[in-house]
Amino acid sequence: MNESSSSGIAGQAAPAVLQVLPRLDTGGVERGTIEIAEALRDAGARPVVVSAGGQLERELDRLDAIHVRLPVQTKNPLKMWRNVDALVDVIRRYDVKLVHARSRAPAWSAWAAARRCGVPFLTTFHGAYNRGPLGLKGAYNKIMAAGDRVIAISQFIARHVQELYHVPQERIRVIPRGVDLKRFDPSRVSPERMIALATQWRVPEDKPVIMLPGRLTRWKGQLVLVEALARLGRTDLRCLLVGSDQGRSRYREQVEAAVKAKGLEAVVHIVNGCNDMAAAYMLTDFVVSASTDPEAFGRVIVEAQAMGRPVIATRHGGALETVTPGETGWLVAPSDPGELAAAIGHALDTTHEERARMAEACRVHARENYSRELMCARTLAVYAELLGDAAPWAAS
């Protein structure tokens, strides 16, 4: 067991809340864990995180949070069982009052440890997990429905949890993911950052730019977008596919072959990834989310809206909640390149005045509904439901 923190241990007055997740690498689950840890610290509680480690550990160090390294990413049943004892030790050592599990494998160990120690157990349903052939993985997934409260990151996921896992509505709390509006703020992106990225990506100054952010995997819809651009038949634009293939070299090769076969080499550019997504959004006129499967929430959509960029998204999943057609973007049928092509053409033909109106509507929509602060406040309110008088922020 490896630990890092200068915070105190059991016996201190501030209650401890434990979050458990597989690793602390980049991603929405990981970022949300850091954000809630900071909110807990600011509210007078002690944030404790258990993971197998990762590049975001330094973020916890900055917060003076407690981090305990355990192999909770494992799906090996024997190791998962051993993790129960280790988590019990963490709960008792730091006088943890609440356990919050954010992923399936560590949730099984965290649930058993919480029950053994008699502390409340909370889960966050981050996605519509694959149930596998004949629904056989449903038994593995169901641990995420076992919380005393179950947080769903969208109304879509809340319905999924109710219908497939029979969780009563009174145990579900819908808390959409939040966007850091200090990071995703158009006024904070300097011209130098935009110029540097535009130069790196060879983005033309005299053409409109559309972007599909998301890792290179088939269900993100890159091939659908390529076909839509071919049907659109316009070469007076640049399309950026921004995202790593994460080792899926075969799919990347398929996308590149499709671009070549459609004669779109001068239109479509694949970018391996980006460390400055705020600047990337500022380089674009519109953002596309072409996912063929429903997004549990769709973080890209709200990030783009926070930057004043309307989104063309597929009409299912979380996008039905985050996109208001004609106001903050447009919705199209999934896996329908013809409808997507028509929407792109319509977006490109909108007037400057209409784009300005939609940009402002996007920013207001993100600010009022999907801020990081709102997500954190809602999550701490659920913690308070379970902690009662032990929550130092409950009376504030």
Protein backbone atom coordinates (compact mmCIF):
# COMPACT_ATOMS: atom_id res chain seq x y z
CA MET A 1 0.00 0.00 0.00
CA ASN A 2 1.53 3.30 -1.12
CA GLU A 3 0.21 6.60 0.24
CA SER A 4 0.77 10.27 -0.37
CA SER A 5 -0.66 13.13 1.67
CA SER A 6 0.24 15.62 4.34
CA SER A 7 -3.33 15.50 5.69
CA GLY A 8 -3.99 13.95 9.03
CA ILE A 9 -5.34 10.52 9.86
CA ALA A 10 -8.07 9.13 12.05
CA GLY A 11 -9.00 11.25 15.04
CA GLN A 12 -9.27 14.53 13.19
CA ALA A 13 -12.62 16.29 13.37
CA ALA A 14 -13.17 16.64 9.61
CA PRO A 15 -15.02 13.62 8.16
CA ALA A 16 -13.33 11.68 5.38
CA VAL A 17 -15.02 10.67 2.11
CA LEU A 18 -13.41 7.92 0.06
CA GLN A 19 -13.60 7.81 -3.76
CA VAL A 20 -12.49 4.59 -5.48
CA LEU A 21 -11.61 4.28 -9.18
CA PRO A 22 -9.29 2.06 -11.26
CA ARG A 23 -6.59 4.54 -12.21
CA LEU A 24 -5.83 8.26 -12.18
CA ASP A 25 -5.06 8.75 -15.87
CA THR A 26 -6.86 11.22 -18.11
CA GLY A 27 -10.60 10.87 -18.60
CA GLY A 28 -13.94 12.12 -17.39
CA VAL A 29 -14.14 9.75 -14.41
CA GLU A 30 -10.66 10.71 -13.29
CA ARG A 31 -11.21 14.44 -13.75
CA GLY A 32 -14.50 14.26 -11.86
CA THR A 33 -12.75 12.51 -8.98
CA ILE A 34 -10.20 15.32 -8.70
CA GLU A 35 -12.91 17.97 -8.86
CA ILE A 36 -14.98 16.35 -6.11
CA ALA A 37 -11.85 15.92 -3.98
CA GLU A 38 -11.23 19.66 -4.26
CA ALA A 39 -14.87 20.44 -3.42
CA LEU A 40 -14.66 18.20 -0.35
CA ARG A 41 -11.52 19.94 0.83
CA ASP A 42 -13.08 23.36 0.34
CA ALA A 43 -16.20 22.23 2.23
CA GLY A 44 -14.20 21.18 5.28
CA ALA A 45 -14.04 17.42 4.68
CA ARG A 46 -11.02 15.21 4.07
CA PRO A 47 -10.84 13.75 0.54
CA VAL A 48 -9.44 10.23 0.30
CA VAL A 49 -8.87 8.51 -3.05
CA VAL A 50 -7.91 4.92 -3.74
CA SER A 51 -6.61 3.99 -7.21
CA ALA A 52 -3.79 2.13 -8.90
CA GLY A 53 -2.12 5.47 -9.55
CA GLY A 54 -1.54 7.50 -12.69
CA GLN A 55 -0.52 10.87 -14.06
CA LEU A 56 -3.21 12.78 -12.15
CA GLU A 57 -1.75 11.82 -8.77
CA ARG A 58 0.05 15.15 -8.68
CA GLU A 59 -3.34 16.88 -8.80
CA LEU A 60 -4.28 15.16 -5.54
CA ASP A 61 -0.94 16.16 -4.04
CA ARG A 62 -1.71 19.77 -4.94
CA LEU A 63 -5.00 19.47 -3.06
CA ASP A 64 -3.27 17.91 -0.05
CA ALA A 65 -5.66 14.98 -0.45
CA ILE A 66 -4.96 11.46 0.77
CA HIS A 67 -4.16 9.00 -2.01
CA VAL A 68 -3.71 5.30 -1.37
CA ARG A 69 -2.39 3.09 -4.18
CA LEU A 70 -4.02 -0.31 -4.42
CA PRO A 71 -4.47 -2.65 -7.43
CA VAL A 72 -8.19 -1.82 -7.63
CA GLN A 73 -8.06 -1.81 -11.43
CA THR A 74 -7.82 -5.60 -11.44
CA LYS A 75 -10.66 -7.89 -12.52
CA ASN A 76 -8.99 -10.95 -11.04
CA PRO A 77 -11.48 -12.31 -8.46
CA LEU A 78 -8.78 -13.33 -5.98
CA LYS A 79 -7.10 -9.92 -6.10
CA MET A 80 -10.47 -8.19 -5.87
CA TRP A 81 -11.17 -10.15 -2.70
CA ARG A 82 -7.79 -9.18 -1.25
CA ASN A 83 -8.61 -5.55 -2.00
CA VAL A 84 -11.56 -5.80 0.40
CA ASP A 85 -9.27 -6.19 3.41
CA ALA A 86 -7.02 -3.38 2.17
CA LEU A 87 -10.00 -1.05 1.72
CA VAL A 88 -11.33 -1.92 5.17
CA ASP A 89 -7.94 -0.86 6.53
CA VAL A 90 -8.19 2.46 4.63
CA ILE A 91 -11.71 3.10 5.90
CA ARG A 92 -10.74 2.44 9.51
CA ARG A 93 -7.39 4.19 9.39
CA TYR A 94 -8.78 7.44 8.01
CA ASP A 95 -12.15 7.18 9.74
CA VAL A 96 -13.95 7.24 6.38
CA LYS A 97 -17.66 8.05 6.73
CA LEU A 98 -18.74 7.41 3.10
CA VAL A 99 -17.47 5.30 0.19
CA HIS A 100 -18.07 6.45 -3.41
CA ALA A 101 -17.28 3.91 -6.16
CA ARG A 102 -16.87 5.14 -9.74
CA SER A 103 -16.17 1.95 -11.70
CA ARG A 104 -17.24 -1.68 -11.66
CA ALA A 105 -14.13 -3.67 -10.70
CA PRO A 106 -13.20 -1.51 -7.69
CA ALA A 107 -16.88 -1.14 -6.79
CA TRP A 108 -17.16 -4.82 -5.86
CA SER A 109 -14.31 -4.54 -3.35
CA ALA A 110 -15.48 -1.12 -2.12
CA TRP A 111 -19.04 -2.36 -1.57
CA ALA A 112 -17.86 -5.31 0.53
CA ALA A 113 -15.51 -3.09 2.55
CA ALA A 114 -18.20 -0.45 3.15
CA ARG A 115 -20.68 -3.04 4.31
CA ARG A 116 -18.14 -4.62 6.63
CA CYS A 117 -17.41 -1.22 8.19
CA GLY A 118 -21.05 -0.12 8.31
CA VAL A 119 -20.60 3.06 6.24
CA PRO A 120 -22.82 4.27 3.37
CA PHE A 121 -21.95 3.16 -0.16
CA LEU A 122 -22.55 5.37 -3.19
CA THR A 123 -21.97 4.70 -6.91
CA THR A 124 -21.85 6.78 -10.06
CA PHE A 125 -23.18 5.20 -13.26
CA HIS A 126 -20.90 6.74 -15.89
CA GLY A 127 -22.18 4.76 -18.87
CA ALA A 128 -24.61 2.25 -20.32
CA TYR A 129 -22.31 -0.68 -19.70
CA ASN A 130 -22.15 -3.46 -22.29
CA ARG A 131 -24.16 -6.43 -21.05
CA GLY A 132 -22.36 -8.86 -23.38
CA PRO A 133 -23.82 -11.89 -25.16
CA LEU A 134 -27.17 -12.88 -23.67
CA GLY A 135 -26.72 -10.21 -21.01
CA LEU A 136 -24.11 -12.29 -19.17
CA LYS A 137 -22.14 -9.21 -18.04
CA GLY A 138 -25.24 -7.84 -16.38
CA ALA A 139 -24.33 -9.67 -13.16
CA TYR A 140 -20.93 -7.97 -13.18
CA ASN A 141 -22.45 -4.56 -13.95
CA LYS A 142 -25.12 -4.73 -11.26
CA ILE A 143 -22.73 -3.67 -8.50
CA MET A 144 -23.08 -0.13 -9.83
CA ALA A 145 -26.78 -0.33 -8.99
CA ALA A 146 -26.10 -1.44 -5.41
CA GLY A 147 -25.42 1.98 -3.92
CA ASP A 148 -27.47 3.48 -1.13
CA ARG A 149 -27.67 6.28 -3.69
CA VAL A 150 -26.89 5.86 -7.39
CA ILE A 151 -25.72 8.92 -9.30
CA ALA A 152 -26.63 8.90 -13.00
CA ILE A 153 -24.78 11.35 -15.24
CA SER A 154 -27.85 12.00 -17.43
CA GLN A 155 -31.57 11.34 -17.57
CA PHE A 156 -30.76 8.77 -20.26
CA ILE A 157 -28.56 6.84 -17.82
CA ALA A 158 -31.16 7.22 -15.05
CA ARG A 159 -33.75 5.49 -17.27
CA HIS A 160 -31.18 2.82 -18.17
CA VAL A 161 -30.51 2.13 -14.48
CA GLN A 162 -34.21 1.92 -13.67
CA GLU A 163 -35.17 -0.27 -16.61
CA LEU A 164 -32.25 -2.71 -16.73
CA TYR A 165 -31.19 -2.87 -13.08
CA HIS A 166 -34.53 -2.13 -11.41
CA VAL A 167 -33.18 0.59 -9.16
CA PRO A 168 -36.11 2.51 -7.65
CA GLN A 169 -36.30 6.14 -8.66
CA GLU A 170 -36.00 7.34 -5.06
CA ARG A 171 -32.42 5.99 -4.89
CA ILE A 172 -31.29 7.67 -8.14
CA ARG A 173 -29.86 11.18 -8.33
CA VAL A 174 -29.22 12.72 -11.75
CA ILE A 175 -26.07 14.83 -11.75
CA PRO A 176 -24.74 15.77 -15.21
CA ARG A 177 -21.03 16.12 -15.66
CA GLY A 178 -19.64 19.59 -15.18
CA VAL A 179 -17.37 21.71 -17.32
CA ASP A 180 -14.60 23.86 -15.87
CA LEU A 181 -15.82 27.25 -17.09
CA LYS A 182 -12.52 28.86 -16.14
CA ARG A 183 -10.68 26.58 -18.53
CA PHE A 184 -13.37 26.56 -21.21
CA ASP A 185 -13.85 30.30 -21.48
CA PRO A 186 -13.36 32.02 -24.85
CA SER A 187 -12.03 35.18 -23.20
CA ARG A 188 -9.17 33.21 -21.60
CA VAL A 189 -7.80 31.73 -24.84
CA SER A 190 -5.03 33.97 -26.09
CA PRO A 191 -4.38 34.58 -29.80
CA GLU A 192 -0.92 33.07 -29.29
CA ARG A 193 -2.42 29.74 -28.22
CA MET A 194 -4.72 29.68 -31.23
CA ILE A 195 -1.94 30.61 -33.64
CA ALA A 196 0.35 27.92 -32.23
CA LEU A 197 -2.30 25.23 -32.66
CA ALA A 198 -3.39 26.46 -36.08
CA THR A 199 0.22 26.37 -37.24
CA GLN A 200 0.77 22.89 -35.84
CA TRP A 201 -2.37 21.56 -37.53
CA ARG A 202 -1.98 23.65 -40.71
CA VAL A 203 -5.48 25.08 -40.32
CA PRO A 204 -6.28 27.47 -43.21
CA GLU A 205 -7.40 30.99 -42.39
CA ASP A 206 -9.80 31.30 -45.33
CA LYS A 207 -11.94 28.19 -44.82
CA PRO A 208 -14.56 27.21 -42.23
CA VAL A 209 -13.44 24.49 -39.84
CA ILE A 210 -15.49 21.68 -38.31
CA MET A 211 -14.13 19.29 -35.72
CA LEU A 212 -15.03 15.87 -34.36
CA PRO A 213 -13.20 15.41 -31.03
CA GLY A 214 -13.06 11.90 -29.65
CA ARG A 215 -10.81 8.88 -29.59
CA LEU A 216 -10.52 6.99 -32.85
CA THR A 217 -12.96 4.16 -32.33
CA ARG A 218 -15.75 3.06 -34.64
CA TRP A 219 -18.71 4.05 -32.49
CA LYS A 220 -17.54 7.67 -32.35
CA GLY A 221 -18.66 7.92 -35.99
CA GLN A 222 -15.59 9.17 -37.85
CA LEU A 223 -16.47 6.98 -40.85
CA VAL A 224 -20.02 8.33 -40.87
CA LEU A 225 -18.65 11.87 -40.95
CA VAL A 226 -16.26 11.05 -43.81
CA GLU A 227 -19.16 9.65 -45.84
CA ALA A 228 -21.27 12.71 -44.99
CA LEU A 229 -18.52 15.03 -46.25
CA ALA A 230 -18.28 13.03 -49.45
CA ARG A 231 -22.02 13.42 -49.99
CA LEU A 232 -21.85 17.11 -49.15
CA GLY A 233 -19.43 17.54 -52.01
CA ARG A 234 -17.79 20.72 -50.74
CA THR A 235 -14.06 21.26 -50.55
CA ASP A 236 -14.20 24.80 -49.16
CA LEU A 237 -13.79 23.60 -45.56
CA ARG A 238 -11.44 21.78 -43.23
CA CYS A 239 -12.53 18.87 -41.04
CA LEU A 240 -10.38 17.93 -38.04
CA LEU A 241 -10.67 14.47 -36.45
CA VAL A 242 -9.03 15.07 -33.09
CA GLY A 243 -8.27 12.05 -30.94
CA SER A 244 -5.84 9.24 -30.30
CA ASP A 245 -6.37 5.78 -31.76
CA GLN A 246 -5.19 4.33 -28.40
CA GLY A 247 -3.59 1.44 -30.23
CA ARG A 248 -6.51 0.88 -32.61
CA SER A 249 -4.27 1.19 -35.64
CA ARG A 250 -6.55 -0.93 -37.83
CA TYR A 251 -9.49 1.44 -37.40
CA ARG A 252 -7.28 4.46 -38.03
CA GLU A 253 -6.12 2.82 -41.26
CA GLN A 254 -9.77 2.30 -42.25
CA VAL A 255 -10.54 5.97 -41.68
CA GLU A 256 -7.48 7.04 -43.66
CA ALA A 257 -8.43 4.68 -46.48
CA ALA A 258 -11.97 6.07 -46.54
CA VAL A 259 -10.65 9.64 -46.70
CA LYS A 260 -8.42 8.69 -49.64
CA ALA A 261 -11.13 6.70 -51.43
CA LYS A 262 -13.52 9.67 -51.23
CA GLY A 263 -10.87 12.12 -52.44
CA LEU A 264 -11.01 14.11 -49.21
CA GLU A 265 -7.30 14.29 -48.39
CA ALA A 266 -7.35 18.10 -48.65
CA VAL A 267 -10.47 18.33 -46.43
CA VAL A 268 -10.06 15.81 -43.61
CA HIS A 269 -7.05 15.82 -41.27
CA ILE A 270 -6.56 13.32 -38.45
CA VAL A 271 -4.90 14.80 -35.36
CA ASN A 272 -3.50 12.41 -32.76
CA GLY A 273 -4.70 14.35 -29.75
CA CYS A 274 -4.68 17.76 -28.14
CA ASN A 275 -3.55 19.16 -24.80
CA ASP A 276 -5.32 22.48 -25.37
CA MET A 277 -8.89 21.67 -26.26
CA ALA A 278 -10.10 25.16 -25.37
CA ALA A 279 -7.92 26.59 -28.15
CA ALA A 280 -9.02 23.78 -30.47
CA TYR A 281 -12.66 24.70 -30.03
CA MET A 282 -11.82 28.33 -30.75
CA LEU A 283 -10.31 27.33 -34.11
CA THR A 284 -13.56 25.72 -35.21
CA ASP A 285 -16.85 27.06 -36.50
CA PHE A 286 -18.92 24.00 -35.52
CA VAL A 287 -18.32 20.77 -33.62
CA VAL A 288 -19.66 17.37 -34.66
CA SER A 289 -20.58 14.49 -32.35
CA ALA A 290 -21.45 11.62 -34.70
CA SER A 291 -21.57 8.75 -32.18
CA THR A 292 -23.39 5.73 -33.56
CA ASP A 293 -24.14 4.43 -30.05
CA PRO A 294 -25.78 6.68 -27.44
CA GLU A 295 -23.40 8.81 -25.41
CA ALA A 296 -24.03 8.48 -21.69
CA PHE A 297 -23.61 12.23 -21.44
CA GLY A 298 -21.34 13.66 -24.12
CA ARG A 299 -18.74 15.89 -22.49
CA VAL A 300 -17.50 17.20 -25.84
CA ILE A 301 -20.91 18.71 -26.59
CA VAL A 302 -20.98 20.81 -23.42
CA GLU A 303 -17.32 21.82 -23.67
CA ALA A 304 -17.95 23.09 -27.20
CA GLN A 305 -21.05 24.98 -26.08
CA ALA A 306 -19.12 26.59 -23.23
CA MET A 307 -16.73 27.91 -25.89
CA GLY A 308 -19.65 29.26 -27.92
CA ARG A 309 -19.54 26.54 -30.57
CA PRO A 310 -22.83 24.96 -31.71
CA VAL A 311 -22.80 21.17 -32.06
CA ILE A 312 -24.23 18.83 -34.67
CA ALA A 313 -24.97 15.67 -32.67
CA THR A 314 -26.77 12.38 -33.11
CA ARG A 315 -30.32 12.17 -31.86
CA HIS A 316 -29.99 9.73 -28.96
CA GLY A 317 -28.48 9.36 -25.48
CA GLY A 318 -27.26 12.37 -23.57
CA ALA A 319 -27.31 14.63 -26.64
CA LEU A 320 -31.11 14.80 -26.39
CA GLU A 321 -30.61 16.64 -23.09
CA THR A 322 -27.67 18.88 -23.97
CA VAL A 323 -28.57 20.05 -27.50
CA THR A 324 -31.55 22.30 -28.16
CA PRO A 325 -32.18 22.15 -31.93
CA GLY A 326 -31.90 25.52 -33.58
CA GLU A 327 -30.63 27.13 -30.37
CA THR A 328 -27.42 25.37 -29.31
CA GLY A 329 -26.98 23.04 -32.27
CA TRP A 330 -28.71 20.47 -34.44
CA LEU A 331 -29.67 16.81 -34.02
CA VAL A 332 -29.46 14.17 -36.76
CA ALA A 333 -30.30 10.48 -36.98
CA PRO A 334 -27.48 8.14 -35.86
CA SER A 335 -25.44 6.50 -38.64
CA ASP A 336 -27.18 8.60 -41.30
CA PRO A 337 -24.52 10.30 -43.46
CA GLY A 338 -27.16 11.91 -45.67
CA GLU A 339 -28.85 13.72 -42.79
CA LEU A 340 -25.49 14.62 -41.30
CA ALA A 341 -24.35 16.08 -44.63
CA ALA A 342 -27.49 18.20 -44.83
CA ALA A 343 -26.95 19.49 -41.28
CA ILE A 344 -23.32 20.39 -41.99
CA GLY A 345 -24.36 22.24 -45.13
CA HIS A 346 -27.05 24.12 -43.23
CA ALA A 347 -24.61 25.03 -40.44
CA LEU A 348 -22.01 26.30 -42.90
CA ASP A 349 -24.62 28.47 -44.62
CA THR A 350 -25.88 30.20 -41.46
CA THR A 351 -25.34 33.95 -41.35
CA HIS A 352 -22.84 35.70 -39.12
CA GLU A 353 -25.69 37.10 -37.04
CA GLU A 354 -27.24 33.66 -36.57
CA ARG A 355 -23.91 32.18 -35.51
CA ALA A 356 -23.41 34.96 -32.97
CA ARG A 357 -26.87 34.36 -31.54
CA MET A 358 -26.27 30.62 -31.24
CA ALA A 359 -22.83 31.17 -29.72
CA GLU A 360 -24.31 33.25 -26.92
CA ALA A 361 -27.11 30.72 -26.39
CA CYS A 362 -24.50 27.95 -26.14
CA ARG A 363 -22.47 29.79 -23.51
CA VAL A 364 -25.54 30.60 -21.40
CA HIS A 365 -26.78 27.00 -21.69
CA ALA A 366 -23.46 25.57 -20.48
CA ARG A 367 -23.05 28.13 -17.71
CA GLU A 368 -26.55 27.67 -16.29
CA ASN A 369 -26.77 23.88 -16.49
CA TYR A 370 -23.36 22.22 -16.72
CA SER A 371 -20.80 24.07 -14.66
CA ARG A 372 -18.25 22.24 -12.56
CA GLU A 373 -19.49 24.15 -9.50
CA LEU A 374 -23.04 22.93 -10.02
CA MET A 375 -21.91 19.33 -10.42
CA CYS A 376 -19.85 19.52 -7.23
CA ALA A 377 -22.64 21.16 -5.22
CA ARG A 378 -25.12 18.50 -6.34
CA THR A 379 -22.70 15.70 -5.48
CA LEU A 380 -21.98 17.08 -2.02
CA ALA A 381 -25.73 17.35 -1.47
CA VAL A 382 -26.02 13.60 -2.09
CA TYR A 383 -23.13 12.99 0.30
CA ALA A 384 -25.01 15.06 2.88
CA GLU A 385 -28.11 12.89 2.44
CA LEU A 386 -26.06 9.89 3.51
CA LEU A 387 -23.80 11.57 6.07
CA GLY A 388 -26.47 13.60 7.84
CA ASP A 389 -25.04 15.75 10.63
CA ALA A 390 -21.54 14.42 9.87
CA ALA A 391 -21.41 16.57 6.72
CA PRO A 392 -19.73 19.86 7.72
CA TRP A 393 -21.31 21.68 4.76
CA ALA A 394 -24.88 20.42 5.39
CA ALA A 395 -25.87 23.45 7.46
CA SER A 396 -24.21 25.99 5.15
